[in-house]
Amino acid sequence: AILISSEPILLVLDDLQWCDRETFEWMRFFLRFDPDYPLLVIGAYRVEEVDQDHWLQTLLLSLRRDEVVSEIELGLLSEANTAALIHKVAVNQVSSEQITNLWNATIGHPLFVIESLQSEDEQDVQKAIPRKIQSVIQSRFMLLSAKARTLAELAAVIGRSFTSLLLVQASK
């Protein structure tokens, strides 16, 4: 169905970390089927959720070998970039103080910034964590082993910034 048109096509695939082996096999076949076809595929995935045994690694190795992939790692937004994002998506006027509070609360994570803006309590994002953010954190937390979850819980109690030595001492 995708190859029917002779027009250039953009195919966007988000959350590749959740795709199964068959999807990656299809993508590998599809990307090699007609190398001259006017197709651009943009795929996004969370690096921390793709280990060495993930099916995406096999596809990426193949694409790297054939030199047909460009990879861009996106990090957290700076306070200035967070402000720019807020100004683009905010429905209401947002003050400089609110932007600073939002950046401090989200540490520049784009999903958290947008969800915090869309939450019912825009005035004080540090008091109310939007449900979608809670769900994202809970789903990632559930991927951890029992020991790692215990360590993460301890780290959460300590706070946002601490040394590994403090974490080791607190875990005894």
C-alpha atoms as a PDB file:
ATOM      1  CA  ALA A   1       0.000   0.000   0.000  1.00  0.00           C
ATOM      2  CA  ILE A   2       2.851   2.400   0.759  1.00  0.00           C
ATOM      3  CA  LEU A   3       4.595   1.797  -2.571  1.00  0.00           C
ATOM      4  CA  ILE A   4       1.495   2.480  -4.700  1.00  0.00           C
ATOM      5  CA  SER A   5       2.116   6.224  -4.866  1.00  0.00           C
ATOM      6  CA  SER A   6       4.975   7.683  -6.851  1.00  0.00           C
ATOM      7  CA  GLU A   7       4.920  10.782  -4.633  1.00  0.00           C
ATOM      8  CA  PRO A   8       7.534  11.131  -1.873  1.00  0.00           C
ATOM      9  CA  ILE A   9       6.355   9.605   1.400  1.00  0.00           C
ATOM     10  CA  LEU A  10       7.218  10.398   4.999  1.00  0.00           C
ATOM     11  CA  LEU A  11       6.639   7.497   7.398  1.00  0.00           C
ATOM     12  CA  VAL A  12       6.886   8.396  11.105  1.00  0.00           C
ATOM     13  CA  LEU A  13       7.245   5.545  13.596  1.00  0.00           C
ATOM     14  CA  ASP A  14       7.203   6.537  17.259  1.00  0.00           C
ATOM     15  CA  ASP A  15       8.072   4.362  20.265  1.00  0.00           C
ATOM     16  CA  LEU A  16      10.087   1.818  18.280  1.00  0.00           C
ATOM     17  CA  GLN A  17      11.141   0.253  21.586  1.00  0.00           C
ATOM     18  CA  TRP A  18       7.669  -1.330  21.755  1.00  0.00           C
ATOM     19  CA  CYS A  19       7.699  -2.885  18.269  1.00  0.00           C
ATOM     20  CA  ASP A  20       7.962  -6.646  17.871  1.00  0.00           C
ATOM     21  CA  ARG A  21      10.443  -8.665  15.832  1.00  0.00           C
ATOM     22  CA  GLU A  22       8.038  -9.030  12.876  1.00  0.00           C
ATOM     23  CA  THR A  23       7.709  -5.248  12.587  1.00  0.00           C
ATOM     24  CA  PHE A  24      11.491  -4.843  12.406  1.00  0.00           C
ATOM     25  CA  GLU A  25      11.794  -7.651   9.850  1.00  0.00           C
ATOM     26  CA  TRP A  26       9.130  -5.931   7.739  1.00  0.00           C
ATOM     27  CA  MET A  27      10.950  -2.610   8.045  1.00  0.00           C
ATOM     28  CA  ARG A  28      14.262  -4.180   7.057  1.00  0.00           C
ATOM     29  CA  PHE A  29      12.669  -5.801   3.976  1.00  0.00           C
ATOM     30  CA  PHE A  30      10.713  -2.676   3.110  1.00  0.00           C
ATOM     31  CA  LEU A  31      13.728  -0.369   3.344  1.00  0.00           C
ATOM     32  CA  ARG A  32      15.726  -2.623   1.002  1.00  0.00           C
ATOM     33  CA  PHE A  33      12.883  -3.412  -1.426  1.00  0.00           C
ATOM     34  CA  ASP A  34      13.417  -0.358  -3.635  1.00  0.00           C
ATOM     35  CA  PRO A  35      16.389   1.777  -2.550  1.00  0.00           C
ATOM     36  CA  ASP A  36      15.465   4.500  -5.061  1.00  0.00           C
ATOM     37  CA  TYR A  37      11.880   4.886  -3.838  1.00  0.00           C
ATOM     38  CA  PRO A  38      11.239   8.447  -2.508  1.00  0.00           C
ATOM     39  CA  LEU A  39      10.693   7.458   1.101  1.00  0.00           C
ATOM     40  CA  LEU A  40      11.885   8.998   4.355  1.00  0.00           C
ATOM     41  CA  VAL A  41      11.353   7.032   7.562  1.00  0.00           C
ATOM     42  CA  ILE A  42      11.678   8.835  10.869  1.00  0.00           C
ATOM     43  CA  GLY A  43      11.781   6.543  13.870  1.00  0.00           C
ATOM     44  CA  ALA A  44      11.914   7.493  17.515  1.00  0.00           C
ATOM     45  CA  TYR A  45      12.735   5.348  20.526  1.00  0.00           C
ATOM     46  CA  ARG A  46      13.898   5.650  24.095  1.00  0.00           C
ATOM     47  CA  VAL A  47      17.542   4.620  24.232  1.00  0.00           C
ATOM     48  CA  GLU A  48      17.260   3.490  27.855  1.00  0.00           C
ATOM     49  CA  GLU A  49      14.542   0.978  26.891  1.00  0.00           C
ATOM     50  CA  VAL A  50      16.504  -0.702  24.079  1.00  0.00           C
ATOM     51  CA  ASP A  51      19.112  -3.144  25.352  1.00  0.00           C
ATOM     52  CA  GLN A  52      21.608  -5.102  23.228  1.00  0.00           C
ATOM     53  CA  ASP A  53      19.138  -7.988  22.731  1.00  0.00           C
ATOM     54  CA  HIS A  54      16.314  -5.791  21.425  1.00  0.00           C
ATOM     55  CA  TRP A  55      15.194  -6.395  17.833  1.00  0.00           C
ATOM     56  CA  LEU A  56      15.767  -2.736  17.014  1.00  0.00           C
ATOM     57  CA  GLN A  57      19.512  -3.233  17.543  1.00  0.00           C
ATOM     58  CA  THR A  58      19.629  -5.773  14.696  1.00  0.00           C
ATOM     59  CA  LEU A  59      17.844  -3.369  12.358  1.00  0.00           C
ATOM     60  CA  LEU A  60      20.075  -0.442  13.345  1.00  0.00           C
ATOM     61  CA  LEU A  61      23.253  -2.477  12.821  1.00  0.00           C
ATOM     62  CA  SER A  62      22.088  -3.403   9.343  1.00  0.00           C
ATOM     63  CA  LEU A  63      21.146   0.178   8.470  1.00  0.00           C
ATOM     64  CA  ARG A  64      24.454   1.504   9.834  1.00  0.00           C
ATOM     65  CA  ARG A  65      26.406  -1.061   7.825  1.00  0.00           C
ATOM     66  CA  ASP A  66      24.558   0.000   4.666  1.00  0.00           C
ATOM     67  CA  GLU A  67      25.082   3.677   5.606  1.00  0.00           C
ATOM     68  CA  VAL A  68      21.392   4.486   5.169  1.00  0.00           C
ATOM     69  CA  VAL A  69      20.600   5.780   8.634  1.00  0.00           C
ATOM     70  CA  SER A  70      21.217   9.081  10.388  1.00  0.00           C
ATOM     71  CA  GLU A  71      20.890   9.075  14.157  1.00  0.00           C
ATOM     72  CA  ILE A  72      20.188  12.101  16.307  1.00  0.00           C
ATOM     73  CA  GLU A  73      20.136  11.772  20.082  1.00  0.00           C
ATOM     74  CA  LEU A  74      17.770  14.223  21.710  1.00  0.00           C
ATOM     75  CA  GLY A  75      18.499  15.330  25.236  1.00  0.00           C
ATOM     76  CA  LEU A  76      16.647  17.388  27.767  1.00  0.00           C
ATOM     77  CA  LEU A  77      15.716  20.966  26.911  1.00  0.00           C
ATOM     78  CA  SER A  78      17.596  23.916  28.335  1.00  0.00           C
ATOM     79  CA  GLU A  79      15.577  26.503  30.228  1.00  0.00           C
ATOM     80  CA  ALA A  80      15.579  28.744  27.132  1.00  0.00           C
ATOM     81  CA  ASN A  81      14.397  25.898  24.873  1.00  0.00           C
ATOM     82  CA  THR A  82      11.776  24.940  27.459  1.00  0.00           C
ATOM     83  CA  ALA A  83      10.529  28.539  27.372  1.00  0.00           C
ATOM     84  CA  ALA A  84      10.360  28.434  23.562  1.00  0.00           C
ATOM     85  CA  LEU A  85       8.359  25.182  23.679  1.00  0.00           C
ATOM     86  CA  ILE A  86       6.008  26.627  26.295  1.00  0.00           C
ATOM     87  CA  HIS A  87       5.388  29.745  24.198  1.00  0.00           C
ATOM     88  CA  LYS A  88       4.555  27.578  21.171  1.00  0.00           C
ATOM     89  CA  VAL A  89       2.088  25.248  22.912  1.00  0.00           C
ATOM     90  CA  ALA A  90       0.631  27.246  25.829  1.00  0.00           C
ATOM     91  CA  VAL A  91      -2.950  28.359  25.397  1.00  0.00           C
ATOM     92  CA  ASN A  92      -2.707  30.993  28.129  1.00  0.00           C
ATOM     93  CA  GLN A  93      -0.005  33.556  28.842  1.00  0.00           C
ATOM     94  CA  VAL A  94       2.798  32.036  30.957  1.00  0.00           C
ATOM     95  CA  SER A  95       4.982  34.248  33.135  1.00  0.00           C
ATOM     96  CA  SER A  96       8.773  34.018  33.397  1.00  0.00           C
ATOM     97  CA  GLU A  97       8.379  32.744  36.959  1.00  0.00           C
ATOM     98  CA  GLN A  98       5.985  30.002  35.802  1.00  0.00           C
ATOM     99  CA  ILE A  99       8.429  29.003  33.056  1.00  0.00           C
ATOM    100  CA  THR A 100      11.273  28.750  35.575  1.00  0.00           C
ATOM    101  CA  ASN A 101       9.077  26.708  37.939  1.00  0.00           C
ATOM    102  CA  LEU A 102       7.988  24.456  35.089  1.00  0.00           C
ATOM    103  CA  TRP A 103      11.570  23.939  33.921  1.00  0.00           C
ATOM    104  CA  ASN A 104      12.684  23.135  37.480  1.00  0.00           C
ATOM    105  CA  ALA A 105       9.807  20.679  37.919  1.00  0.00           C
ATOM    106  CA  THR A 106      10.304  18.895  34.581  1.00  0.00           C
ATOM    107  CA  ILE A 107      14.088  19.311  34.184  1.00  0.00           C
ATOM    108  CA  GLY A 108      13.414  20.112  30.514  1.00  0.00           C
ATOM    109  CA  HIS A 109      11.773  16.794  29.599  1.00  0.00           C
ATOM    110  CA  PRO A 110       9.555  17.786  26.610  1.00  0.00           C
ATOM    111  CA  LEU A 111       6.738  15.313  27.376  1.00  0.00           C
ATOM    112  CA  PHE A 112       6.598  16.460  30.978  1.00  0.00           C
ATOM    113  CA  VAL A 113       6.608  20.128  29.938  1.00  0.00           C
ATOM    114  CA  ILE A 114       3.685  19.678  27.558  1.00  0.00           C
ATOM    115  CA  GLU A 115       1.685  17.464  29.907  1.00  0.00           C
ATOM    116  CA  SER A 116       2.246  19.885  32.777  1.00  0.00           C
ATOM    117  CA  LEU A 117       0.958  22.721  30.612  1.00  0.00           C
ATOM    118  CA  GLN A 118      -2.131  20.713  29.737  1.00  0.00           C
ATOM    119  CA  SER A 119      -2.801  19.685  33.325  1.00  0.00           C
ATOM    120  CA  GLU A 120      -5.599  21.278  35.279  1.00  0.00           C
ATOM    121  CA  ASP A 121      -3.184  22.906  37.727  1.00  0.00           C
ATOM    122  CA  GLU A 122      -1.006  25.072  35.466  1.00  0.00           C
ATOM    123  CA  GLN A 123      -0.412  27.611  38.216  1.00  0.00           C
ATOM    124  CA  ASP A 124       1.584  25.286  40.466  1.00  0.00           C
ATOM    125  CA  VAL A 125       3.124  22.371  38.567  1.00  0.00           C
ATOM    126  CA  GLN A 126       5.282  21.374  41.516  1.00  0.00           C
ATOM    127  CA  LYS A 127       2.213  20.400  43.567  1.00  0.00           C
ATOM    128  CA  ALA A 128       0.356  18.377  40.942  1.00  0.00           C
ATOM    129  CA  ILE A 129       2.035  15.874  38.652  1.00  0.00           C
ATOM    130  CA  PRO A 130      -0.200  15.228  35.624  1.00  0.00           C
ATOM    131  CA  ARG A 131      -1.557  11.694  35.281  1.00  0.00           C
ATOM    132  CA  LYS A 132       0.244  11.033  31.996  1.00  0.00           C
ATOM    133  CA  ILE A 133       3.601  11.849  33.602  1.00  0.00           C
ATOM    134  CA  GLN A 134       2.743   9.586  36.535  1.00  0.00           C
ATOM    135  CA  SER A 135       1.876   6.801  34.073  1.00  0.00           C
ATOM    136  CA  VAL A 136       5.128   7.197  32.135  1.00  0.00           C
ATOM    137  CA  ILE A 137       7.168   7.089  35.332  1.00  0.00           C
ATOM    138  CA  GLN A 138       5.215   4.125  36.719  1.00  0.00           C
ATOM    139  CA  SER A 139       5.558   2.120  33.489  1.00  0.00           C
ATOM    140  CA  ARG A 140       9.330   2.679  33.416  1.00  0.00           C
ATOM    141  CA  PHE A 141       9.577   1.915  37.116  1.00  0.00           C
ATOM    142  CA  MET A 142       7.806  -1.427  36.584  1.00  0.00           C
ATOM    143  CA  LEU A 143      10.481  -2.454  34.047  1.00  0.00           C
ATOM    144  CA  LEU A 144      13.120  -2.440  36.792  1.00  0.00           C
ATOM    145  CA  SER A 145      14.127  -5.511  38.768  1.00  0.00           C
ATOM    146  CA  ALA A 146      12.984  -5.688  42.389  1.00  0.00           C
ATOM    147  CA  LYS A 147      16.445  -4.649  43.644  1.00  0.00           C
ATOM    148  CA  ALA A 148      16.624  -1.738  41.204  1.00  0.00           C
ATOM    149  CA  ARG A 149      13.132  -0.565  42.236  1.00  0.00           C
ATOM    150  CA  THR A 150      14.183  -0.620  45.898  1.00  0.00           C
ATOM    151  CA  LEU A 151      17.266   1.454  45.062  1.00  0.00           C
ATOM    152  CA  ALA A 152      15.183   3.883  42.965  1.00  0.00           C
ATOM    153  CA  GLU A 153      12.710   4.295  45.830  1.00  0.00           C
ATOM    154  CA  LEU A 154      15.578   5.088  48.183  1.00  0.00           C
ATOM    155  CA  ALA A 155      17.011   7.579  45.682  1.00  0.00           C
ATOM    156  CA  ALA A 156      13.607   9.264  45.417  1.00  0.00           C
ATOM    157  CA  VAL A 157      13.485   9.693  49.180  1.00  0.00           C
ATOM    158  CA  ILE A 158      16.978  11.240  49.211  1.00  0.00           C
ATOM    159  CA  GLY A 159      15.993  13.803  46.589  1.00  0.00           C
ATOM    160  CA  ARG A 160      16.920  15.095  43.149  1.00  0.00           C
ATOM    161  CA  SER A 161      20.669  15.427  43.703  1.00  0.00           C
ATOM    162  CA  PHE A 162      22.969  13.078  45.615  1.00  0.00           C
ATOM    163  CA  THR A 163      26.253  11.218  45.300  1.00  0.00           C
ATOM    164  CA  SER A 164      26.579   7.505  44.724  1.00  0.00           C
ATOM    165  CA  LEU A 165      28.404   7.293  48.076  1.00  0.00           C
ATOM    166  CA  LEU A 166      25.371   8.722  49.867  1.00  0.00           C
ATOM    167  CA  LEU A 167      23.110   6.236  48.081  1.00  0.00           C
ATOM    168  CA  VAL A 168      25.368   3.351  49.086  1.00  0.00           C
ATOM    169  CA  GLN A 169      25.455   4.497  52.702  1.00  0.00           C
ATOM    170  CA  ALA A 170      21.685   4.991  52.805  1.00  0.00           C
ATOM    171  CA  SER A 171      21.069   1.509  51.362  1.00  0.00           C
ATOM    172  CA  LYS A 172      22.913  -0.255  54.183  1.00  0.00           C
END
